[in-house]
Amino acid sequence: MSKIGKKKIVVPKDSSVKIEGENVTISGPKGTKKLTINDKIFSSQMTESEFHIKPLEKKIDKKTSILWGTYRSLVNNAVTGVSVGHEKILELNGVGFRANLKGELLNLQIGFSHDVNFKIPKEIKVVVEKQTVIKINGVDKELVAKIAADIKGLKPVEPYKAKGIKERGQFVLRKEGKKK
C-alpha cells in the first residue's frame, strides 16, 4: 500500500474536478490543468470536496503502489496550482547583476560582456522586484521549476564569492580562497 496514495486530496470550494474516463480536468481561479490517469489500473472518484484514487486490483504489487503515489501527487499539485499557484523566487548576487523585463523577454546582466535574453513561455508569469529578485509564477509546478532551473543554469553560484543566480533559501557551500 502506498502511504501517499492513500491520502485524500481536498479540493477547495473555488476549484472543481471533472472525471471523464481516464481524463481528469481540474479548473480553478488561476486556470485549468488536464491530466491523464490510467483507468486500467486505477479508478478515480470525486465526493463533495475530496478526490480519491484507488487501484482496481485487490492485490497491489510494487509498481502499482509507486504509480498510485505518483498519480496522487500529480493531481494534488494540479489542484494546488489552479487554486493558489506555484511560485519560485530567484536572487541575483554579484556586483552589477541586474534583471529587467522587456515584453516577453527577461533581460539579464550577469557579468558577461553581453546581456542574456531569456524567452518566457506564455503560461508563466515573471515579475522582477528590485532588479535582483525574480518571481516566477504559474499553474504547472513542473514548468515553473523548469524555468527556474533554466534561469539558474545561465549563471550558477560559484563557491568562492557566492556570485550567481540562486533560489531564495538555497544554501551555498563556500570555499576558502587562496592563502599567501
N, C-alpha and C. Protein backbone atom coordinates (compact mmCIF):
# COMPACT_ATOMS: atom_id res chain seq x y z
N MET A 1 0.84 -1.19 0.00
CA MET A 1 0.00 0.00 0.00
C MET A 1 0.88 1.24 0.00
N SER A 2 0.45 2.21 -0.76
CA SER A 2 1.19 3.46 -0.86
C SER A 2 0.73 4.43 0.22
N LYS A 3 1.69 4.95 1.00
CA LYS A 3 1.34 5.90 2.06
C LYS A 3 0.78 7.18 1.47
N ILE A 4 1.42 7.67 0.40
CA ILE A 4 0.98 8.92 -0.23
C ILE A 4 -0.32 8.70 -1.00
N GLY A 5 -0.44 7.57 -1.68
CA GLY A 5 -1.63 7.29 -2.49
C GLY A 5 -2.90 7.20 -1.67
N LYS A 6 -2.80 6.74 -0.42
CA LYS A 6 -3.98 6.60 0.44
C LYS A 6 -4.57 7.93 0.86
N LYS A 7 -3.74 8.98 0.91
CA LYS A 7 -4.21 10.29 1.38
C LYS A 7 -5.26 10.86 0.44
N LYS A 8 -6.25 11.54 1.02
CA LYS A 8 -7.29 12.17 0.22
C LYS A 8 -6.83 13.56 -0.21
N ILE A 9 -7.29 13.98 -1.37
CA ILE A 9 -6.97 15.31 -1.88
C ILE A 9 -8.17 16.21 -1.62
N VAL A 10 -7.98 17.25 -0.82
CA VAL A 10 -9.06 18.18 -0.51
C VAL A 10 -9.10 19.24 -1.61
N VAL A 11 -10.26 19.35 -2.26
CA VAL A 11 -10.45 20.32 -3.34
C VAL A 11 -11.09 21.57 -2.76
N PRO A 12 -10.48 22.76 -2.93
CA PRO A 12 -11.08 23.99 -2.41
C PRO A 12 -12.43 24.29 -3.06
N LYS A 13 -13.21 25.16 -2.41
CA LYS A 13 -14.56 25.47 -2.89
C LYS A 13 -14.55 26.16 -4.26
N ASP A 14 -13.53 26.99 -4.52
CA ASP A 14 -13.49 27.72 -5.79
C ASP A 14 -12.91 26.91 -6.94
N SER A 15 -12.49 25.65 -6.69
CA SER A 15 -11.95 24.78 -7.73
C SER A 15 -12.90 23.61 -7.98
N SER A 16 -12.79 23.01 -9.17
CA SER A 16 -13.63 21.86 -9.49
C SER A 16 -12.82 20.81 -10.24
N VAL A 17 -13.22 19.54 -10.08
CA VAL A 17 -12.55 18.43 -10.73
C VAL A 17 -13.59 17.66 -11.54
N LYS A 18 -13.33 17.44 -12.83
CA LYS A 18 -14.22 16.68 -13.71
C LYS A 18 -13.49 15.43 -14.16
N ILE A 19 -14.16 14.27 -14.03
CA ILE A 19 -13.58 12.99 -14.41
C ILE A 19 -14.33 12.48 -15.64
N GLU A 20 -13.61 12.28 -16.75
CA GLU A 20 -14.20 11.76 -17.99
C GLU A 20 -13.35 10.59 -18.45
N GLY A 21 -13.67 9.39 -17.98
CA GLY A 21 -12.87 8.21 -18.32
C GLY A 21 -11.51 8.29 -17.69
N GLU A 22 -10.47 8.34 -18.53
CA GLU A 22 -9.11 8.44 -17.98
C GLU A 22 -8.63 9.89 -17.90
N ASN A 23 -9.39 10.84 -18.43
CA ASN A 23 -9.00 12.25 -18.38
C ASN A 23 -9.58 12.93 -17.14
N VAL A 24 -8.75 13.69 -16.46
CA VAL A 24 -9.17 14.46 -15.29
C VAL A 24 -8.86 15.93 -15.60
N THR A 25 -9.91 16.78 -15.52
CA THR A 25 -9.75 18.20 -15.77
C THR A 25 -9.96 18.95 -14.47
N ILE A 26 -8.97 19.71 -14.05
CA ILE A 26 -9.03 20.47 -12.81
C ILE A 26 -9.05 21.94 -13.18
N SER A 27 -10.06 22.66 -12.70
CA SER A 27 -10.16 24.09 -13.02
C SER A 27 -10.34 24.88 -11.74
N GLY A 28 -9.81 26.10 -11.76
CA GLY A 28 -9.88 26.96 -10.59
C GLY A 28 -9.70 28.41 -11.00
N PRO A 29 -9.53 29.31 -10.04
CA PRO A 29 -9.40 30.73 -10.37
C PRO A 29 -8.12 31.08 -11.14
N LYS A 30 -7.05 30.32 -11.01
CA LYS A 30 -5.79 30.61 -11.69
C LYS A 30 -5.73 30.04 -13.11
N GLY A 31 -6.57 29.01 -13.41
CA GLY A 31 -6.54 28.40 -14.74
C GLY A 31 -7.05 26.98 -14.70
N THR A 32 -6.78 26.22 -15.76
CA THR A 32 -7.19 24.82 -15.84
C THR A 32 -5.99 23.95 -16.16
N LYS A 33 -6.07 22.69 -15.75
CA LYS A 33 -4.99 21.72 -15.98
C LYS A 33 -5.64 20.38 -16.31
N LYS A 34 -5.14 19.70 -17.33
CA LYS A 34 -5.65 18.39 -17.73
C LYS A 34 -4.60 17.32 -17.43
N LEU A 35 -5.06 16.22 -16.84
CA LEU A 35 -4.19 15.09 -16.54
C LEU A 35 -4.82 13.82 -17.08
N THR A 36 -4.00 12.80 -17.31
CA THR A 36 -4.48 11.50 -17.75
C THR A 36 -4.08 10.46 -16.71
N ILE A 37 -5.08 9.73 -16.21
CA ILE A 37 -4.83 8.67 -15.24
C ILE A 37 -5.18 7.34 -15.90
N ASN A 38 -4.30 6.36 -15.79
CA ASN A 38 -4.50 5.06 -16.40
C ASN A 38 -5.72 4.37 -15.77
N ASP A 39 -6.83 4.29 -16.53
CA ASP A 39 -8.06 3.73 -15.96
C ASP A 39 -8.10 2.21 -15.99
N LYS A 40 -7.05 1.56 -16.53
CA LYS A 40 -6.97 0.10 -16.47
C LYS A 40 -6.40 -0.36 -15.13
N ILE A 41 -5.69 0.53 -14.45
CA ILE A 41 -5.07 0.20 -13.16
C ILE A 41 -5.80 0.91 -12.01
N PHE A 42 -6.24 2.16 -12.23
CA PHE A 42 -6.81 2.97 -11.15
C PHE A 42 -8.22 3.43 -11.46
N SER A 43 -8.99 3.63 -10.40
CA SER A 43 -10.30 4.28 -10.52
C SER A 43 -10.24 5.57 -9.72
N SER A 44 -10.82 6.61 -10.27
CA SER A 44 -10.82 7.90 -9.57
C SER A 44 -12.26 8.32 -9.34
N GLN A 45 -12.51 8.87 -8.17
CA GLN A 45 -13.85 9.31 -7.84
C GLN A 45 -13.80 10.61 -7.05
N MET A 46 -14.85 11.39 -7.21
CA MET A 46 -14.95 12.70 -6.58
C MET A 46 -16.16 12.70 -5.67
N THR A 47 -15.95 13.02 -4.38
CA THR A 47 -17.07 13.22 -3.46
C THR A 47 -17.29 14.72 -3.34
N GLU A 48 -17.96 15.18 -2.30
CA GLU A 48 -18.30 16.60 -2.17
C GLU A 48 -17.09 17.52 -2.34
N SER A 49 -16.07 17.36 -1.52
CA SER A 49 -14.89 18.22 -1.62
C SER A 49 -13.60 17.43 -1.54
N GLU A 50 -13.66 16.13 -1.85
CA GLU A 50 -12.47 15.28 -1.78
C GLU A 50 -12.34 14.45 -3.05
N PHE A 51 -11.11 14.20 -3.45
CA PHE A 51 -10.80 13.41 -4.64
C PHE A 51 -10.02 12.18 -4.20
N HIS A 52 -10.40 11.00 -4.72
CA HIS A 52 -9.74 9.74 -4.34
C HIS A 52 -9.23 9.03 -5.59
N ILE A 53 -8.09 8.41 -5.45
CA ILE A 53 -7.57 7.50 -6.48
C ILE A 53 -7.34 6.16 -5.79
N LYS A 54 -7.93 5.10 -6.37
CA LYS A 54 -7.78 3.77 -5.78
C LYS A 54 -7.43 2.77 -6.87
N PRO A 55 -6.57 1.78 -6.56
CA PRO A 55 -6.28 0.74 -7.55
C PRO A 55 -7.47 -0.21 -7.72
N LEU A 56 -7.63 -0.76 -8.92
CA LEU A 56 -8.75 -1.66 -9.20
C LEU A 56 -8.52 -3.05 -8.61
N GLU A 57 -7.26 -3.48 -8.54
CA GLU A 57 -6.94 -4.82 -8.06
C GLU A 57 -6.93 -4.87 -6.53
N LYS A 58 -7.28 -6.03 -5.98
CA LYS A 58 -7.20 -6.23 -4.53
C LYS A 58 -5.75 -6.36 -4.09
N LYS A 59 -4.97 -7.15 -4.87
CA LYS A 59 -3.56 -7.34 -4.55
C LYS A 59 -2.75 -6.27 -5.27
N ILE A 60 -1.98 -5.50 -4.50
CA ILE A 60 -1.22 -4.39 -5.07
C ILE A 60 0.26 -4.75 -5.10
N ASP A 61 0.85 -4.75 -6.29
CA ASP A 61 2.28 -5.02 -6.40
C ASP A 61 3.07 -3.71 -6.26
N LYS A 62 4.38 -3.83 -6.28
CA LYS A 62 5.26 -2.67 -6.03
C LYS A 62 5.07 -1.56 -7.08
N LYS A 63 4.97 -1.95 -8.36
CA LYS A 63 4.84 -0.96 -9.43
C LYS A 63 3.53 -0.19 -9.30
N THR A 64 2.44 -0.88 -9.00
CA THR A 64 1.14 -0.22 -8.83
C THR A 64 1.17 0.73 -7.64
N SER A 65 1.83 0.34 -6.57
CA SER A 65 1.95 1.19 -5.38
C SER A 65 2.71 2.48 -5.70
N ILE A 66 3.78 2.34 -6.48
CA ILE A 66 4.57 3.51 -6.86
C ILE A 66 3.75 4.45 -7.75
N LEU A 67 3.06 3.89 -8.74
CA LEU A 67 2.24 4.70 -9.64
C LEU A 67 1.09 5.38 -8.89
N TRP A 68 0.54 4.69 -7.90
CA TRP A 68 -0.56 5.23 -7.11
C TRP A 68 -0.14 6.53 -6.42
N GLY A 69 1.02 6.52 -5.76
CA GLY A 69 1.52 7.71 -5.10
C GLY A 69 1.88 8.81 -6.09
N THR A 70 2.41 8.41 -7.25
CA THR A 70 2.78 9.40 -8.27
C THR A 70 1.55 10.11 -8.82
N TYR A 71 0.52 9.36 -9.18
CA TYR A 71 -0.71 9.97 -9.71
C TYR A 71 -1.36 10.88 -8.68
N ARG A 72 -1.35 10.45 -7.42
CA ARG A 72 -1.95 11.26 -6.36
C ARG A 72 -1.21 12.58 -6.21
N SER A 73 0.14 12.54 -6.28
CA SER A 73 0.94 13.75 -6.17
C SER A 73 0.71 14.68 -7.37
N LEU A 74 0.58 14.11 -8.57
CA LEU A 74 0.33 14.92 -9.75
C LEU A 74 -1.01 15.64 -9.67
N VAL A 75 -2.04 14.93 -9.21
CA VAL A 75 -3.37 15.55 -9.07
C VAL A 75 -3.33 16.60 -7.97
N ASN A 76 -2.65 16.32 -6.85
CA ASN A 76 -2.57 17.29 -5.75
C ASN A 76 -1.83 18.55 -6.20
N ASN A 77 -0.74 18.41 -6.97
CA ASN A 77 -0.01 19.57 -7.49
C ASN A 77 -0.87 20.38 -8.45
N ALA A 78 -1.70 19.69 -9.25
CA ALA A 78 -2.58 20.40 -10.18
C ALA A 78 -3.65 21.17 -9.43
N VAL A 79 -4.22 20.57 -8.37
CA VAL A 79 -5.24 21.25 -7.56
C VAL A 79 -4.64 22.48 -6.88
N THR A 80 -3.43 22.34 -6.34
CA THR A 80 -2.75 23.48 -5.72
C THR A 80 -2.44 24.56 -6.75
N GLY A 81 -2.03 24.16 -7.94
CA GLY A 81 -1.67 25.11 -8.98
C GLY A 81 -2.84 25.94 -9.47
N VAL A 82 -4.01 25.30 -9.68
CA VAL A 82 -5.16 26.06 -10.19
C VAL A 82 -5.84 26.88 -9.11
N SER A 83 -5.64 26.53 -7.83
CA SER A 83 -6.30 27.31 -6.77
C SER A 83 -5.38 28.40 -6.21
N VAL A 84 -4.13 28.08 -5.90
CA VAL A 84 -3.20 29.04 -5.30
C VAL A 84 -2.11 29.45 -6.29
N GLY A 85 -1.59 28.50 -7.03
CA GLY A 85 -0.49 28.75 -7.95
C GLY A 85 0.84 28.34 -7.33
N HIS A 86 1.83 28.10 -8.16
CA HIS A 86 3.16 27.74 -7.70
C HIS A 86 4.10 28.91 -7.94
N GLU A 87 5.07 29.09 -7.03
CA GLU A 87 5.97 30.24 -7.13
C GLU A 87 7.39 29.84 -6.76
N LYS A 88 8.34 30.36 -7.52
CA LYS A 88 9.76 30.23 -7.21
C LYS A 88 10.35 31.63 -7.20
N ILE A 89 11.24 31.90 -6.26
CA ILE A 89 11.88 33.21 -6.15
C ILE A 89 13.38 33.03 -6.34
N LEU A 90 13.94 33.75 -7.31
CA LEU A 90 15.36 33.69 -7.61
C LEU A 90 16.02 35.01 -7.20
N GLU A 91 17.26 34.91 -6.72
CA GLU A 91 18.01 36.10 -6.32
C GLU A 91 19.30 36.17 -7.12
N LEU A 92 19.66 37.38 -7.55
CA LEU A 92 20.92 37.61 -8.26
C LEU A 92 21.91 38.21 -7.29
N ASN A 93 23.07 37.56 -7.12
CA ASN A 93 24.12 38.04 -6.22
C ASN A 93 25.36 38.33 -7.05
N GLY A 94 25.86 39.55 -6.95
CA GLY A 94 27.08 39.92 -7.66
C GLY A 94 27.05 41.40 -8.01
N VAL A 95 28.21 41.98 -8.18
CA VAL A 95 28.32 43.40 -8.50
C VAL A 95 27.84 43.62 -9.93
N GLY A 96 26.86 44.49 -10.10
CA GLY A 96 26.33 44.81 -11.42
C GLY A 96 25.36 43.81 -11.98
N PHE A 97 24.94 42.83 -11.19
CA PHE A 97 23.98 41.84 -11.66
C PHE A 97 22.58 42.45 -11.59
N ARG A 98 21.87 42.44 -12.72
CA ARG A 98 20.54 43.04 -12.80
C ARG A 98 19.64 42.22 -13.69
N ALA A 99 18.32 42.37 -13.47
CA ALA A 99 17.32 41.73 -14.32
C ALA A 99 16.27 42.77 -14.69
N ASN A 100 15.81 42.74 -15.94
CA ASN A 100 14.75 43.62 -16.43
C ASN A 100 13.80 42.82 -17.30
N LEU A 101 12.53 43.23 -17.33
CA LEU A 101 11.56 42.62 -18.22
C LEU A 101 11.39 43.51 -19.44
N LYS A 102 11.50 42.91 -20.63
CA LYS A 102 11.24 43.63 -21.88
C LYS A 102 10.23 42.82 -22.67
N GLY A 103 8.93 43.07 -22.41
CA GLY A 103 7.88 42.30 -23.07
C GLY A 103 7.87 40.87 -22.57
N GLU A 104 8.08 39.93 -23.48
CA GLU A 104 8.14 38.52 -23.07
C GLU A 104 9.56 38.01 -22.96
N LEU A 105 10.52 38.92 -22.87
CA LEU A 105 11.92 38.57 -22.68
C LEU A 105 12.39 39.04 -21.32
N LEU A 106 13.16 38.19 -20.65
CA LEU A 106 13.81 38.56 -19.40
C LEU A 106 15.25 38.90 -19.74
N ASN A 107 15.63 40.17 -19.56
CA ASN A 107 16.96 40.65 -19.89
C ASN A 107 17.82 40.57 -18.63
N LEU A 108 18.90 39.80 -18.68
CA LEU A 108 19.78 39.60 -17.53
C LEU A 108 21.17 40.15 -17.81
N GLN A 109 21.68 40.94 -16.88
CA GLN A 109 23.07 41.39 -16.91
C GLN A 109 23.76 40.65 -15.77
N ILE A 110 24.50 39.60 -16.14
CA ILE A 110 25.05 38.71 -15.10
C ILE A 110 26.55 38.51 -15.24
N GLY A 111 27.27 39.58 -15.56
CA GLY A 111 28.73 39.53 -15.55
C GLY A 111 29.37 39.10 -16.84
N PHE A 112 28.60 38.92 -17.90
CA PHE A 112 29.18 38.61 -19.21
C PHE A 112 29.41 39.91 -19.97
N SER A 113 30.10 39.84 -21.09
CA SER A 113 30.33 41.03 -21.90
C SER A 113 29.07 41.46 -22.66
N HIS A 114 28.03 40.60 -22.64
CA HIS A 114 26.79 40.89 -23.33
C HIS A 114 25.61 40.60 -22.40
N ASP A 115 24.45 41.16 -22.72
CA ASP A 115 23.23 40.86 -21.96
C ASP A 115 22.70 39.50 -22.41
N VAL A 116 22.09 38.78 -21.47
CA VAL A 116 21.48 37.49 -21.77
C VAL A 116 19.97 37.69 -21.80
N ASN A 117 19.32 37.31 -22.92
CA ASN A 117 17.87 37.40 -23.04
C ASN A 117 17.27 36.01 -22.90
N PHE A 118 16.29 35.88 -21.99
CA PHE A 118 15.64 34.60 -21.74
C PHE A 118 14.17 34.74 -22.13
N LYS A 119 13.69 33.88 -23.05
CA LYS A 119 12.31 33.93 -23.51
C LYS A 119 11.40 33.25 -22.49
N ILE A 120 10.32 33.95 -22.10
CA ILE A 120 9.39 33.45 -21.10
C ILE A 120 8.18 32.83 -21.80
N PRO A 121 7.80 31.59 -21.45
CA PRO A 121 6.61 30.99 -22.05
C PRO A 121 5.34 31.74 -21.64
N LYS A 122 4.27 31.57 -22.43
CA LYS A 122 3.01 32.28 -22.17
C LYS A 122 2.32 31.83 -20.88
N GLU A 123 2.52 30.57 -20.48
CA GLU A 123 1.84 30.04 -19.28
C GLU A 123 2.47 30.54 -17.98
N ILE A 124 3.66 31.11 -18.07
CA ILE A 124 4.40 31.53 -16.89
C ILE A 124 4.36 33.05 -16.76
N LYS A 125 4.22 33.53 -15.51
CA LYS A 125 4.26 34.96 -15.25
C LYS A 125 5.53 35.26 -14.46
N VAL A 126 6.32 36.20 -14.94
CA VAL A 126 7.59 36.57 -14.29
C VAL A 126 7.50 38.03 -13.86
N VAL A 127 7.88 38.29 -12.60
CA VAL A 127 7.90 39.64 -12.05
C VAL A 127 9.30 39.92 -11.53
N VAL A 128 9.86 41.09 -11.87
CA VAL A 128 11.19 41.47 -11.38
C VAL A 128 11.01 42.53 -10.31
N GLU A 129 11.53 42.24 -9.11
CA GLU A 129 11.47 43.19 -8.00
C GLU A 129 12.90 43.63 -7.66
N LYS A 130 13.11 44.90 -7.47
CA LYS A 130 14.39 45.47 -7.04
C LYS A 130 15.57 45.11 -7.94
N GLN A 131 15.36 44.74 -9.17
CA GLN A 131 16.37 44.38 -10.16
C GLN A 131 17.21 43.16 -9.79
N THR A 132 17.11 42.66 -8.56
CA THR A 132 17.90 41.49 -8.17
C THR A 132 17.03 40.33 -7.69
N VAL A 133 15.72 40.49 -7.70
CA VAL A 133 14.82 39.43 -7.26
C VAL A 133 13.85 39.13 -8.40
N ILE A 134 13.77 37.86 -8.80
CA ILE A 134 12.89 37.43 -9.88
C ILE A 134 11.86 36.46 -9.30
N LYS A 135 10.57 36.76 -9.48
CA LYS A 135 9.49 35.88 -9.02
C LYS A 135 8.88 35.19 -10.23
N ILE A 136 8.81 33.87 -10.19
CA ILE A 136 8.26 33.07 -11.28
C ILE A 136 6.98 32.42 -10.77
N ASN A 137 5.84 32.69 -11.41
CA ASN A 137 4.54 32.15 -11.00
C ASN A 137 3.92 31.37 -12.15
N GLY A 138 3.10 30.37 -11.80
CA GLY A 138 2.39 29.62 -12.82
C GLY A 138 1.50 28.55 -12.23
N VAL A 139 0.70 27.92 -13.09
CA VAL A 139 -0.22 26.86 -12.67
C VAL A 139 0.50 25.51 -12.62
N ASP A 140 1.38 25.27 -13.58
CA ASP A 140 2.07 23.98 -13.70
C ASP A 140 3.36 23.99 -12.88
N LYS A 141 3.42 23.14 -11.85
CA LYS A 141 4.58 23.11 -10.96
C LYS A 141 5.84 22.69 -11.71
N GLU A 142 5.70 21.74 -12.61
CA GLU A 142 6.86 21.24 -13.36
C GLU A 142 7.44 22.33 -14.26
N LEU A 143 6.58 23.09 -14.92
CA LEU A 143 7.06 24.14 -15.82
C LEU A 143 7.70 25.30 -15.05
N VAL A 144 7.12 25.66 -13.89
CA VAL A 144 7.70 26.72 -13.06
C VAL A 144 9.10 26.31 -12.59
N ALA A 145 9.25 25.07 -12.14
CA ALA A 145 10.55 24.58 -11.67
C ALA A 145 11.55 24.50 -12.82
N LYS A 146 11.10 24.12 -14.02
CA LYS A 146 11.99 24.02 -15.17
C LYS A 146 12.50 25.40 -15.59
N ILE A 147 11.62 26.39 -15.62
CA ILE A 147 12.03 27.75 -15.99
C ILE A 147 13.02 28.29 -14.95
N ALA A 148 12.74 28.05 -13.66
CA ALA A 148 13.66 28.50 -12.61
C ALA A 148 15.03 27.82 -12.75
N ALA A 149 15.04 26.54 -13.05
CA ALA A 149 16.30 25.82 -13.22
C ALA A 149 17.06 26.31 -14.46
N ASP A 150 16.34 26.63 -15.54
CA ASP A 150 16.99 27.14 -16.75
C ASP A 150 17.64 28.50 -16.49
N ILE A 151 16.93 29.36 -15.74
CA ILE A 151 17.49 30.69 -15.43
C ILE A 151 18.69 30.54 -14.49
N LYS A 152 18.59 29.64 -13.49
CA LYS A 152 19.72 29.42 -12.58
C LYS A 152 20.92 28.84 -13.33
N GLY A 153 20.67 28.07 -14.37
CA GLY A 153 21.75 27.46 -15.14
C GLY A 153 22.53 28.44 -15.99
N LEU A 154 21.96 29.63 -16.22
CA LEU A 154 22.68 30.65 -17.01
C LEU A 154 23.92 31.14 -16.27
N LYS A 155 23.84 31.26 -14.95
CA LYS A 155 24.99 31.69 -14.14
C LYS A 155 24.89 30.99 -12.79
N PRO A 156 25.40 29.75 -12.68
CA PRO A 156 25.35 29.05 -11.40
C PRO A 156 26.16 29.77 -10.33
N VAL A 157 25.82 29.56 -9.08
CA VAL A 157 26.51 30.21 -7.98
C VAL A 157 27.90 29.59 -7.82
N GLU A 158 28.92 30.45 -7.82
CA GLU A 158 30.28 29.93 -7.65
C GLU A 158 30.61 29.90 -6.15
N PRO A 159 31.45 28.96 -5.71
CA PRO A 159 31.63 28.73 -4.28
C PRO A 159 32.54 29.70 -3.53
N TYR A 160 33.28 30.58 -4.23
CA TYR A 160 34.24 31.43 -3.55
C TYR A 160 33.63 32.75 -3.08
N LYS A 161 32.91 33.45 -3.95
CA LYS A 161 32.28 34.71 -3.56
C LYS A 161 30.76 34.63 -3.56
N ALA A 162 30.20 33.46 -3.90
CA ALA A 162 28.76 33.21 -3.96
C ALA A 162 28.06 34.12 -4.97
N LYS A 163 28.76 34.43 -6.07
CA LYS A 163 28.16 35.21 -7.15
C LYS A 163 27.38 34.28 -8.06
N GLY A 164 26.23 34.76 -8.53
CA GLY A 164 25.44 33.97 -9.47
C GLY A 164 23.96 34.10 -9.16
N ILE A 165 23.17 33.21 -9.77
CA ILE A 165 21.72 33.20 -9.57
C ILE A 165 21.37 32.00 -8.71
N LYS A 166 20.68 32.27 -7.60
CA LYS A 166 20.29 31.18 -6.70
C LYS A 166 18.83 31.34 -6.30
N GLU A 167 18.27 30.24 -5.83
CA GLU A 167 16.91 30.26 -5.33
C GLU A 167 16.90 30.81 -3.91
N ARG A 168 15.81 31.46 -3.53
CA ARG A 168 15.73 32.00 -2.17
C ARG A 168 15.75 30.83 -1.19
N GLY A 169 16.62 30.92 -0.21
CA GLY A 169 16.75 29.86 0.79
C GLY A 169 17.74 28.78 0.41
N GLN A 170 18.32 28.84 -0.77
CA GLN A 170 19.29 27.83 -1.21
C GLN A 170 20.61 28.04 -0.45
N PHE A 171 21.17 26.96 0.08
CA PHE A 171 22.42 27.04 0.80
C PHE A 171 23.58 26.89 -0.18
N VAL A 172 24.54 27.79 -0.09
CA VAL A 172 25.72 27.74 -0.95
C VAL A 172 26.91 27.37 -0.09
N LEU A 173 27.55 26.26 -0.41
CA LEU A 173 28.73 25.81 0.32
C LEU A 173 29.91 26.68 -0.12
N ARG A 174 30.43 27.47 0.80
CA ARG A 174 31.52 28.39 0.47
C ARG A 174 32.87 27.71 0.66
N LYS A 175 33.82 28.06 -0.21
CA LYS A 175 35.18 27.53 -0.10
C LYS A 175 36.12 28.65 0.33
N GLU A 176 37.20 28.26 0.99
CA GLU A 176 38.19 29.23 1.40
C GLU A 176 39.05 29.60 0.20
N GLY A 177 39.43 30.84 0.11
CA GLY A 177 40.22 31.32 -1.02
C GLY A 177 41.68 30.95 -0.92
N LYS A 178 42.47 31.48 -1.83
CA LYS A 178 43.91 31.19 -1.89
C LYS A 178 44.64 31.83 -0.71
N LYS A 179 45.57 31.09 -0.11
CA LYS A 179 46.35 31.60 1.03
C LYS A 179 47.71 32.05 0.55
N LYS A 180 48.29 33.04 1.25
CA LYS A 180 49.63 33.53 0.91
C LYS A 180 50.70 32.69 1.53
